[in-house]
Amino acid sequence: MLRTIIVTTPEDLIATVYLCANENQGEEELGIGKGPIVKAISEAFGKSEAEIMEKTKELGELGLVARRSRSSQAMIYKPKPLTIVKVFNTFGQIAKETGNGSKEKKQNRMKELFVATTDCESLYLTRLLQAKLRLNFTETKSPLIEAVKIVKHVFSVVPAYDTIVHALLSGEPAKSVGEILDKFQDTVFTCEYKYDGQREHIHYMEDGRFEIFSKSGKETLRSTPMLLKKPFVKSFILDCEVVAFDREKKKFLPLQILSTRARKNVNVHNIKVGVSTLAFDMLYLNGQLLIHENLNIRREKLYESFEEDPGCFQFATALTSSNVDEIQEFLEASVKDGCEDYMEDSCCSIGDSVDLVPIAAYYGEGKRAGLFGSHLLACYDGEKNEFQSICKIGTGFSEAELEDLSSSLGSKVIATAKKCYQVGDSLKPEPDVWCEPTEVWEVKAADLTISPTYLAATGIVDPNKGISLRFPRLVRVREDKTPYEATSSEQIAELFKAQKRN
């Protein structure tokens, strides 16, 4: 196909490649869902939206409905034939439509294309609009080719077929954060905020010129960034995220706010919101290419080469740690700071929430001094009449909630743990105070994991170990439940088994 285009209409080549790869030139997305496409087909071919949807159920694909609708429609006059460049340019116009009335404008442009289609063109136009062309014409390499390269490299290091084959056959994909942390115990992880902004590569040349490129390699027009480089820095390439920033409230804003600078190619002087540049990697420094260096080395050079200017230029917030609790706190901090996609549900993926009972507490530090900063939670085993420890929770609380909970539980402090509290000797550190089982908290978490520390459902899934919640987060206090109506140990075990099945 491409050879034919190169010979016959070479001017169509670039547009063809973009369309076949389901991409637009630049980084804009069409920003349309199924509904507007259905409406455009409806208006173009004189069918009701209900009829279009009914036919989609029957035929299994919206594109097939569009094709059938086109073939059954009589035309008073024949429109100009569609060209590849016409479709490509119209897609670009659709992607750039923003603001009031943009939905109708996008719909009208789609309708114009559908009206001009003939025979099977409406089928492929629909697939293009849905980014479902299915030509396998993508940039990605075959996973099999990559796998072969990896195995060859492993064999060059460990030339033992029995070891390699066994490792290949026994491998299973990790299905949860907990599995990963369990398999890499004591391994140092590096974590980094994922900001809701636009990716940029900032190039600084020895002659003092700046060039800024988007992640697709397209030059971006914006004024010179305010970077406080050290005197020894003569040239560099930074990998950054440009985000909208409210300088009064000192907080990051969503990408949609940043889009008030229009789409991509617009001067920064038109921006109606503050813009902050967050650097997370250094790829080049003073004539030296760094991309093959260890990330820690690149970060060190980044930190050594610049000074931060809060609200204008900062280093991306990062953590390097092997401590699970520190990683949890870092994740929760990213949620609180509004990082991209890390909303509450993103660290709460076991599906169902669980209702647990606070049975003990730990005093907080810093801003939480004088309050209970974290709590020991338990599920309830009705058969044994036991409250079985399942996790510690210290996140998901506002400052006001911390004060309220500390006040309510503070009045229920008891001298020692009750006999019905199953906690275990391996829980370290021991709680600062024990509480009467009086409240029920609804909690969500990333996943459940087998734990030697916590005793929930011991003997049901593992003969000697219990089940723990990973990354628990408070949803609310359940005033409609008593502690004896909390989630049972059997239910915890069932949730764990369901997680394994999925």
Protein backbone atom coordinates (compact mmCIF):
# COMPACT_ATOMS: atom_id res chain seq x y z
CA MET A 1 0.00 0.00 0.00
CA LEU A 2 2.70 2.49 1.00
CA ARG A 3 4.76 1.68 -2.10
CA THR A 4 1.75 2.46 -4.28
CA ILE A 5 1.26 5.79 -2.54
CA ILE A 6 4.96 6.67 -2.84
CA VAL A 7 4.79 6.10 -6.60
CA THR A 8 1.35 7.55 -7.39
CA THR A 9 0.56 10.23 -4.77
CA PRO A 10 3.64 10.84 -2.60
CA GLU A 11 1.98 13.92 -1.10
CA ASP A 12 -0.43 11.54 0.69
CA LEU A 13 2.28 9.48 2.37
CA ILE A 14 2.62 11.33 5.70
CA ALA A 15 -1.14 11.62 6.16
CA THR A 16 -1.54 7.91 5.38
CA VAL A 17 1.03 6.87 7.95
CA TYR A 18 -0.62 8.98 10.65
CA LEU A 19 -4.10 7.67 9.84
CA CYS A 20 -2.95 4.04 9.74
CA ALA A 21 -1.30 4.51 13.13
CA ASN A 22 -4.51 6.03 14.55
CA GLU A 23 -2.68 9.25 15.39
CA ASN A 24 -2.89 12.95 14.58
CA GLN A 25 0.08 15.10 13.71
CA GLY A 26 1.30 16.58 16.97
CA GLU A 27 -0.18 15.31 20.22
CA GLU A 28 -3.84 16.39 20.00
CA GLU A 29 -6.55 13.79 20.43
CA LEU A 30 -9.85 13.97 18.58
CA GLY A 31 -11.68 14.24 21.88
CA ILE A 32 -14.86 12.54 20.67
CA GLY A 33 -16.77 9.60 22.06
CA LYS A 34 -19.19 7.16 20.53
CA GLY A 35 -22.23 9.43 21.05
CA PRO A 36 -21.13 12.27 18.73
CA ILE A 37 -20.09 9.76 16.05
CA VAL A 38 -23.52 8.11 16.22
CA LYS A 39 -25.18 11.52 15.91
CA ALA A 40 -23.01 12.46 12.91
CA ILE A 41 -23.89 9.17 11.15
CA SER A 42 -27.55 9.72 11.99
CA GLU A 43 -27.64 13.21 10.49
CA ALA A 44 -25.50 12.31 7.48
CA PHE A 45 -27.55 9.27 6.44
CA GLY A 46 -31.03 10.26 7.61
CA LYS A 47 -31.37 7.60 10.30
CA SER A 48 -32.48 8.05 13.90
CA GLU A 49 -29.88 7.62 16.63
CA ALA A 50 -32.02 4.87 18.17
CA GLU A 51 -32.01 3.02 14.85
CA ILE A 52 -28.23 3.38 14.57
CA MET A 53 -27.73 1.98 18.08
CA GLU A 54 -30.13 -0.91 17.47
CA LYS A 55 -28.30 -1.85 14.26
CA THR A 56 -24.98 -1.65 16.11
CA LYS A 57 -26.22 -4.28 18.55
CA GLU A 58 -27.31 -6.44 15.62
CA LEU A 59 -24.14 -6.11 13.50
CA GLY A 60 -21.67 -5.78 16.35
CA GLU A 61 -19.82 -2.73 15.00
CA LEU A 62 -20.75 0.89 14.42
CA GLY A 63 -18.66 1.03 11.24
CA LEU A 64 -20.71 -1.73 9.62
CA VAL A 65 -23.88 0.20 10.44
CA ALA A 66 -22.43 3.32 8.80
CA ARG A 67 -21.55 1.32 5.68
CA ARG A 68 -25.03 -0.19 5.42
CA SER A 69 -26.65 3.19 6.04
CA ARG A 70 -24.60 4.77 3.25
CA SER A 71 -25.41 2.02 0.74
CA SER A 72 -29.15 2.31 1.40
CA GLN A 73 -29.30 6.09 1.05
CA ALA A 74 -30.25 7.74 -2.23
CA MET A 75 -28.19 10.81 -3.16
CA ILE A 76 -29.51 13.85 -5.05
CA TYR A 77 -26.04 14.90 -6.11
CA LYS A 78 -22.65 13.30 -5.79
CA PRO A 79 -20.25 15.08 -3.39
CA LYS A 80 -16.59 15.58 -4.12
CA PRO A 81 -14.61 12.37 -3.55
CA LEU A 82 -12.85 12.12 -0.21
CA THR A 83 -9.07 12.25 -0.25
CA ILE A 84 -6.61 11.07 2.36
CA VAL A 85 -5.35 14.61 2.91
CA LYS A 86 -8.92 15.92 3.27
CA VAL A 87 -9.70 13.34 5.99
CA PHE A 88 -6.37 13.94 7.73
CA ASN A 89 -6.75 17.73 7.73
CA THR A 90 -10.34 17.50 8.96
CA PHE A 91 -9.20 15.29 11.82
CA GLY A 92 -6.66 17.95 12.72
CA GLN A 93 -9.41 20.59 12.73
CA ILE A 94 -11.61 18.38 14.92
CA ALA A 95 -8.78 17.90 17.41
CA LYS A 96 -8.16 21.65 17.66
CA GLU A 97 -11.80 22.60 18.34
CA THR A 98 -12.14 23.89 21.91
CA GLY A 99 -14.40 26.12 23.95
CA ASN A 100 -18.08 26.95 23.55
CA GLY A 101 -19.75 25.23 20.63
CA SER A 102 -16.79 22.93 20.00
CA LYS A 103 -18.97 19.82 20.31
CA GLU A 104 -21.30 20.97 17.54
CA LYS A 105 -18.39 22.04 15.34
CA LYS A 106 -16.72 18.64 15.69
CA GLN A 107 -20.01 16.94 14.89
CA ASN A 108 -20.54 19.05 11.77
CA ARG A 109 -17.05 18.26 10.50
CA MET A 110 -17.67 14.53 11.00
CA LYS A 111 -21.04 14.82 9.27
CA GLU A 112 -19.37 16.54 6.30
CA LEU A 113 -16.96 13.62 5.95
CA PHE A 114 -19.70 10.98 6.21
CA VAL A 115 -21.83 12.72 3.58
CA ALA A 116 -18.90 12.53 1.15
CA THR A 117 -18.22 8.81 1.71
CA THR A 118 -19.02 6.12 -0.81
CA ASP A 119 -19.49 2.38 -0.33
CA CYS A 120 -16.97 1.07 2.25
CA GLU A 121 -15.43 4.49 3.02
CA SER A 122 -17.95 5.11 5.79
CA LEU A 123 -16.84 1.86 7.47
CA TYR A 124 -13.19 2.88 7.60
CA LEU A 125 -13.97 6.49 8.45
CA THR A 126 -15.92 5.29 11.50
CA ARG A 127 -13.04 3.07 12.56
CA LEU A 128 -10.61 5.96 12.16
CA LEU A 129 -12.80 8.23 14.28
CA GLN A 130 -12.93 5.52 16.94
CA ALA A 131 -9.16 4.88 16.63
CA LYS A 132 -9.97 1.26 15.78
CA LEU A 133 -8.54 0.88 12.29
CA ARG A 134 -6.90 -2.44 13.22
CA LEU A 135 -4.15 -2.50 10.57
CA ASN A 136 -1.47 -3.43 13.12
CA PHE A 137 0.46 -0.54 11.63
CA THR A 138 2.04 0.67 14.84
CA GLU A 139 5.40 1.69 16.16
CA THR A 140 5.62 -1.15 18.64
CA LYS A 141 7.93 -4.06 18.01
CA SER A 142 6.72 -7.61 18.16
CA PRO A 143 6.71 -8.80 21.80
CA LEU A 144 8.10 -12.12 20.53
CA ILE A 145 11.13 -10.39 18.99
CA GLU A 146 11.79 -8.54 22.24
CA ALA A 147 11.37 -11.76 24.23
CA VAL A 148 13.89 -13.58 22.02
CA LYS A 149 16.43 -10.79 22.59
CA ILE A 150 15.97 -11.06 26.35
CA VAL A 151 16.35 -14.86 26.37
CA LYS A 152 19.50 -14.63 24.22
CA HIS A 153 20.98 -12.11 26.65
CA VAL A 154 20.10 -14.31 29.64
CA PHE A 155 21.71 -17.34 27.95
CA SER A 156 24.91 -15.37 27.39
CA VAL A 157 25.06 -14.78 31.16
CA VAL A 158 23.64 -18.11 32.39
CA PRO A 159 24.20 -20.77 29.66
CA ALA A 160 21.99 -23.38 31.32
CA TYR A 161 18.84 -24.42 29.46
CA ASP A 162 17.29 -26.13 32.49
CA THR A 163 17.50 -22.95 34.56
CA ILE A 164 16.18 -20.70 31.79
CA VAL A 165 13.33 -22.99 30.70
CA HIS A 166 12.18 -23.48 34.28
CA ALA A 167 12.17 -19.73 34.86
CA LEU A 168 10.17 -19.11 31.68
CA LEU A 169 7.54 -21.74 32.48
CA SER A 170 7.13 -20.80 36.13
CA GLY A 171 6.71 -17.08 35.53
CA GLU A 172 3.32 -15.48 36.13
CA PRO A 173 2.33 -11.83 35.75
CA ALA A 174 1.92 -9.95 39.02
CA LYS A 175 -1.70 -8.96 39.56
CA SER A 176 -1.28 -6.53 42.40
CA VAL A 177 1.03 -4.07 44.08
CA GLY A 178 1.25 -6.45 47.01
CA GLU A 179 2.67 -9.27 44.90
CA ILE A 180 5.37 -7.00 43.54
CA LEU A 181 6.41 -5.77 46.97
CA ASP A 182 6.37 -9.31 48.36
CA LYS A 183 8.60 -10.63 45.57
CA PHE A 184 11.04 -7.75 45.88
CA GLN A 185 11.34 -7.55 49.64
CA ASP A 186 14.08 -5.18 50.81
CA THR A 187 14.53 -3.97 47.24
CA VAL A 188 14.97 -0.23 46.86
CA PHE A 189 12.17 1.37 44.82
CA THR A 190 12.18 4.80 43.26
CA CYS A 191 8.82 6.55 43.20
CA GLU A 192 7.92 9.80 41.52
CA TYR A 193 4.87 12.04 41.25
CA LYS A 194 3.06 11.75 37.92
CA TYR A 195 1.96 15.27 37.09
CA ASP A 196 -1.10 16.22 35.05
CA GLY A 197 0.60 18.38 32.45
CA GLN A 198 2.40 18.43 29.12
CA ARG A 199 5.72 16.69 28.54
CA GLU A 200 8.60 18.80 27.24
CA HIS A 201 12.27 18.37 26.40
CA ILE A 202 14.14 21.61 27.08
CA HIS A 203 17.38 22.00 25.09
CA TYR A 204 19.91 24.67 26.07
CA MET A 205 22.85 25.28 23.75
CA GLU A 206 26.27 26.69 24.58
CA ASP A 207 25.44 29.86 22.63
CA GLY A 208 22.56 30.55 25.03
CA ARG A 209 19.71 29.44 22.74
CA PHE A 210 16.72 27.47 24.04
CA GLU A 211 14.75 24.97 21.98
CA ILE A 212 11.72 23.20 23.44
CA PHE A 213 10.16 20.05 22.01
CA SER A 214 7.01 18.09 22.80
CA LYS A 215 7.17 14.35 23.49
CA SER A 216 6.47 13.68 19.81
CA GLY A 217 9.52 15.75 18.82
CA LYS A 218 7.53 18.75 17.63
CA GLU A 219 9.02 22.15 18.45
CA THR A 220 6.89 24.04 20.97
CA LEU A 221 6.48 27.79 20.92
CA ARG A 222 6.76 29.26 24.39
CA SER A 223 8.93 31.88 25.99
CA THR A 224 12.28 31.09 27.55
CA PRO A 225 11.73 29.10 30.76
CA MET A 226 13.02 30.61 33.99
CA LEU A 227 15.69 28.08 34.95
CA LEU A 228 18.22 28.93 37.65
CA LYS A 229 21.21 26.98 36.36
CA LYS A 230 24.54 26.89 38.15
CA PRO A 231 27.48 28.78 36.54
CA PHE A 232 29.28 25.59 35.44
CA VAL A 233 26.29 24.51 33.30
CA LYS A 234 26.99 25.34 29.64
CA SER A 235 24.49 23.08 27.86
CA PHE A 236 21.80 20.59 28.82
CA ILE A 237 18.68 18.67 27.86
CA LEU A 238 16.00 18.34 30.54
CA ASP A 239 13.02 15.99 30.55
CA CYS A 240 10.20 17.98 32.15
CA GLU A 241 6.48 18.25 32.73
CA VAL A 242 4.88 21.67 32.31
CA VAL A 243 1.85 22.05 34.58
CA ALA A 244 -0.71 24.70 35.43
CA PHE A 245 -0.01 26.17 38.85
CA ASP A 246 -2.09 28.35 41.16
CA ARG A 247 0.54 30.55 42.75
CA GLU A 248 -1.84 32.00 45.35
CA LYS A 249 -3.02 28.63 46.66
CA LYS A 250 0.32 27.01 45.80
CA LYS A 251 -1.21 23.96 44.18
CA PHE A 252 -1.15 22.24 40.82
CA LEU A 253 -4.16 22.46 38.54
CA PRO A 254 -5.60 19.90 36.07
CA LEU A 255 -4.40 19.62 32.48
CA GLN A 256 -7.72 21.09 31.30
CA ILE A 257 -6.74 24.37 32.96
CA LEU A 258 -3.41 24.32 31.17
CA SER A 259 -5.30 23.96 27.88
CA THR A 260 -6.47 27.58 28.26
CA ARG A 261 -3.12 28.25 26.57
CA ALA A 262 -5.00 26.78 23.59
CA ARG A 263 -3.78 23.44 22.33
CA LYS A 264 -0.07 23.17 21.66
CA ASN A 265 1.51 25.87 19.54
CA VAL A 266 0.79 29.11 21.33
CA ASN A 267 2.97 31.72 22.97
CA VAL A 268 3.16 31.59 26.76
CA HIS A 269 2.06 35.26 26.96
CA ASN A 270 -1.47 34.10 26.10
CA ILE A 271 -1.60 31.77 29.09
CA LYS A 272 -4.24 32.75 31.64
CA VAL A 273 -2.86 30.57 34.43
CA GLY A 274 0.53 30.22 36.07
CA VAL A 275 2.88 27.68 34.54
CA SER A 276 5.46 25.67 36.44
CA THR A 277 8.21 23.53 34.93
CA LEU A 278 8.93 20.30 36.82
CA ALA A 279 12.20 18.60 35.87
CA PHE A 280 12.47 14.87 36.50
CA ASP A 281 15.42 13.79 34.38
CA MET A 282 18.59 15.14 32.77
CA LEU A 283 19.54 13.57 29.44
CA TYR A 284 22.55 15.68 28.47
CA LEU A 285 24.99 17.94 30.32
CA ASN A 286 27.92 20.00 29.04
CA GLY A 287 28.46 17.87 25.95
CA GLN A 288 28.01 14.54 27.76
CA LEU A 289 25.14 12.21 26.84
CA LEU A 290 23.59 10.81 30.03
CA ILE A 291 20.81 8.52 28.80
CA HIS A 292 22.89 5.38 29.45
CA GLU A 293 23.78 6.46 32.98
CA ASN A 294 21.97 5.12 36.05
CA LEU A 295 18.86 7.12 36.99
CA ASN A 296 20.33 7.97 40.39
CA ILE A 297 23.38 9.50 38.69
CA ARG A 298 21.19 11.50 36.30
CA ARG A 299 19.09 12.79 39.18
CA GLU A 300 22.19 13.74 41.14
CA LYS A 301 23.51 15.76 38.19
CA LEU A 302 20.08 17.37 37.78
CA TYR A 303 19.94 18.44 41.43
CA GLU A 304 23.54 19.70 41.32
CA SER A 305 22.99 21.77 38.17
CA PHE A 306 19.95 23.87 39.09
CA GLU A 307 18.29 25.76 41.90
CA GLU A 308 14.55 25.55 42.47
CA ASP A 309 12.23 28.53 42.16
CA PRO A 310 8.92 27.36 43.70
CA GLY A 311 5.99 27.89 41.36
CA CYS A 312 8.26 28.45 38.35
CA PHE A 313 10.88 25.70 38.24
CA GLN A 314 11.04 22.72 40.56
CA PHE A 315 12.34 19.18 40.67
CA ALA A 316 9.69 16.49 40.42
CA THR A 317 8.87 15.13 43.87
CA ALA A 318 10.55 11.74 44.26
CA LEU A 319 11.25 9.09 46.87
CA THR A 320 13.82 6.30 46.95
CA SER A 321 13.03 3.74 49.62
CA SER A 322 12.67 0.07 50.46
CA ASN A 323 10.21 0.80 53.26
CA VAL A 324 6.63 -0.13 52.36
CA ASP A 325 5.13 2.33 54.84
CA GLU A 326 7.17 5.18 53.35
CA ILE A 327 6.02 4.20 49.85
CA GLN A 328 2.41 4.15 51.06
CA GLU A 329 2.74 7.61 52.60
CA PHE A 330 4.32 8.89 49.41
CA LEU A 331 1.47 7.48 47.31
CA GLU A 332 -1.09 9.07 49.59
CA ALA A 333 0.75 12.39 49.43
CA SER A 334 0.53 12.25 45.63
CA VAL A 335 -3.23 11.70 45.92
CA LYS A 336 -3.54 14.67 48.25
CA ASP A 337 -1.47 16.84 45.91
CA GLY A 338 -3.75 15.99 42.97
CA CYS A 339 -1.35 14.09 40.74
CA GLU A 340 -2.63 12.82 37.39
CA ASP A 341 -4.93 9.77 37.61
CA TYR A 342 -4.03 9.18 41.25
CA MET A 343 -7.48 9.85 42.58
CA GLU A 344 -8.75 7.99 45.61
CA ASP A 345 -9.89 4.94 43.66
CA SER A 346 -6.50 4.49 41.98
CA CYS A 347 -4.96 3.23 45.20
CA CYS A 348 -8.12 1.37 46.18
CA SER A 349 -8.60 -1.42 43.68
CA ILE A 350 -9.86 -4.49 45.54
CA GLY A 351 -13.31 -3.54 44.30
CA ASP A 352 -15.37 -3.85 47.49
CA SER A 353 -14.74 -1.70 50.51
CA VAL A 354 -14.47 -3.42 53.88
CA ASP A 355 -15.87 -2.40 57.25
CA LEU A 356 -13.26 -2.62 60.01
CA VAL A 357 -13.03 -1.83 63.71
CA PRO A 358 -10.32 0.42 65.23
CA ILE A 359 -8.95 -1.41 68.28
CA ALA A 360 -5.77 0.56 68.99
CA ALA A 361 -3.95 3.75 68.03
CA TYR A 362 -0.52 5.32 67.65
CA TYR A 363 0.29 8.93 68.51
CA GLY A 364 1.21 11.16 65.59
CA GLU A 365 4.28 13.31 65.04
CA GLY A 366 4.84 16.77 63.64
CA LYS A 367 1.51 18.33 62.65
CA ARG A 368 -0.23 15.30 64.15
CA ALA A 369 1.46 15.62 67.53
CA GLY A 370 -1.04 15.22 70.34
CA LEU A 371 -3.45 13.35 68.07
CA PHE A 372 -3.79 9.74 67.02
CA GLY A 373 -1.82 9.65 63.77
CA SER A 374 -2.59 6.04 62.82
CA HIS A 375 -4.82 3.23 63.99
CA LEU A 376 -4.80 -0.55 64.18
CA LEU A 377 -7.86 -2.04 62.47
CA ALA A 378 -9.46 -5.46 62.81
CA CYS A 379 -12.10 -7.59 61.14
CA TYR A 380 -14.53 -9.67 63.20
CA ASP A 381 -14.68 -13.46 63.46
CA GLY A 382 -18.17 -14.31 64.72
CA GLU A 383 -17.48 -17.99 65.35
CA LYS A 384 -14.50 -17.28 67.57
CA ASN A 385 -15.83 -13.94 68.85
CA GLU A 386 -12.48 -12.33 67.95
CA PHE A 387 -11.39 -9.02 66.51
CA GLN A 388 -8.46 -10.03 64.29
CA SER A 389 -5.84 -7.44 63.30
CA ILE A 390 -5.69 -6.71 59.57
CA CYS A 391 -3.76 -3.46 59.00
CA LYS A 392 -2.59 -0.10 60.28
CA ILE A 393 -4.16 2.95 58.69
CA GLY A 394 -2.75 6.46 58.75
CA THR A 395 -3.98 8.00 55.51
CA GLY A 396 -7.23 9.31 54.11
CA PHE A 397 -7.82 11.63 57.08
CA SER A 398 -8.27 15.38 56.89
CA GLU A 399 -6.90 17.36 59.83
CA ALA A 400 -10.45 17.92 61.08
CA GLU A 401 -11.21 14.19 60.87
CA LEU A 402 -8.05 13.39 62.81
CA GLU A 403 -9.13 15.70 65.59
CA ASP A 404 -12.67 14.28 65.67
CA LEU A 405 -11.50 10.66 65.63
CA SER A 406 -8.83 11.30 68.25
CA SER A 407 -11.48 12.90 70.44
CA SER A 408 -14.06 10.12 70.00
CA LEU A 409 -11.58 7.26 70.45
CA GLY A 410 -9.68 9.08 73.18
CA SER A 411 -12.69 8.72 75.44
CA LYS A 412 -12.71 4.95 74.86
CA VAL A 413 -9.07 4.18 75.72
CA ILE A 414 -8.51 1.07 77.85
CA ALA A 415 -5.46 -0.02 79.84
CA THR A 416 -4.67 -3.24 77.96
CA ALA A 417 -5.82 -5.18 74.93
CA LYS A 418 -8.99 -7.20 75.36
CA LYS A 419 -8.75 -10.99 75.31
CA CYS A 420 -10.86 -11.02 72.15
CA TYR A 421 -8.21 -8.95 70.33
CA GLN A 422 -6.05 -11.23 68.17
CA VAL A 423 -2.97 -9.18 67.34
CA GLY A 424 0.10 -11.40 67.49
CA ASP A 425 3.57 -10.90 68.91
CA SER A 426 5.15 -9.81 65.62
CA LEU A 427 3.27 -6.50 65.43
CA LYS A 428 5.93 -3.81 65.83
CA PRO A 429 5.79 -1.27 67.24
CA GLU A 430 3.08 -2.04 69.72
CA PRO A 431 0.19 0.43 69.80
CA ASP A 432 0.46 3.40 72.15
CA VAL A 433 -3.11 2.93 73.36
CA TRP A 434 -5.85 0.31 73.14
CA CYS A 435 -9.49 1.19 72.55
CA GLU A 436 -12.90 -0.31 73.15
CA PRO A 437 -14.40 -1.78 69.95
CA THR A 438 -17.08 0.86 69.40
CA GLU A 439 -16.68 2.25 65.87
CA VAL A 440 -16.82 0.84 62.35
CA TRP A 441 -14.79 2.43 59.53
CA GLU A 442 -15.32 1.83 55.85
CA VAL A 443 -11.93 1.28 54.23
CA LYS A 444 -10.69 0.72 50.69
CA ALA A 445 -7.27 -0.63 49.74
CA ALA A 446 -5.03 -1.45 46.80
CA ASP A 447 -5.07 -5.19 47.46
CA LEU A 448 -4.89 -7.94 50.05
CA THR A 449 -1.76 -9.89 50.83
CA ILE A 450 -0.66 -12.81 53.00
CA SER A 451 0.97 -11.41 56.12
CA PRO A 452 3.06 -12.89 58.95
CA THR A 453 2.24 -9.82 61.06
CA TYR A 454 -1.54 -9.53 60.91
CA LEU A 455 -3.90 -12.33 61.94
CA ALA A 456 -7.10 -11.74 59.94
CA ALA A 457 -8.43 -15.05 58.56
CA THR A 458 -5.44 -17.05 59.84
CA GLY A 459 -5.91 -20.72 58.95
CA ILE A 460 -8.39 -20.08 56.13
CA VAL A 461 -6.00 -19.21 53.29
CA ASP A 462 -2.67 -19.96 54.98
CA PRO A 463 -2.30 -22.25 58.02
CA ASN A 464 0.07 -19.93 59.89
CA LYS A 465 -0.36 -16.48 58.37
CA GLY A 466 -3.13 -13.95 58.17
CA ILE A 467 -4.29 -11.49 55.53
CA SER A 468 -3.47 -7.79 55.45
CA LEU A 469 -4.72 -4.81 53.48
CA ARG A 470 -2.13 -3.03 51.35
CA PHE A 471 -2.42 0.78 51.15
CA PRO A 472 -5.63 1.12 53.22
CA ARG A 473 -7.51 4.40 53.03
CA LEU A 474 -10.40 5.65 55.14
CA VAL A 475 -13.63 6.26 53.23
CA ARG A 476 -15.97 7.14 56.11
CA VAL A 477 -17.11 6.23 59.60
CA ARG A 478 -20.07 3.83 59.47
CA GLU A 479 -22.51 5.04 62.10
CA ASP A 480 -25.13 2.57 60.83
CA LYS A 481 -23.14 -0.52 61.89
CA THR A 482 -22.00 -2.05 65.14
CA PRO A 483 -18.52 -3.61 65.52
CA TYR A 484 -20.11 -7.05 65.46
CA GLU A 485 -21.46 -6.28 61.97
CA ALA A 486 -17.98 -5.51 60.63
CA THR A 487 -16.52 -7.47 57.71
CA SER A 488 -15.90 -11.04 58.83
CA SER A 489 -12.68 -13.01 58.54
CA GLU A 490 -14.46 -15.35 56.09
CA GLN A 491 -15.36 -12.40 53.88
CA ILE A 492 -11.76 -11.17 53.98
CA ALA A 493 -10.60 -14.63 52.86
CA GLU A 494 -13.15 -14.64 50.02
CA LEU A 495 -11.98 -11.22 48.84
CA PHE A 496 -8.40 -12.49 48.84
CA LYS A 497 -9.36 -15.58 46.80
CA ALA A 498 -11.36 -13.46 44.34
CA GLN A 499 -8.35 -11.19 43.90
CA LYS A 500 -6.17 -14.20 43.07
CA ARG A 501 -8.72 -15.46 40.52
CA ASN A 502 -8.80 -12.10 38.77
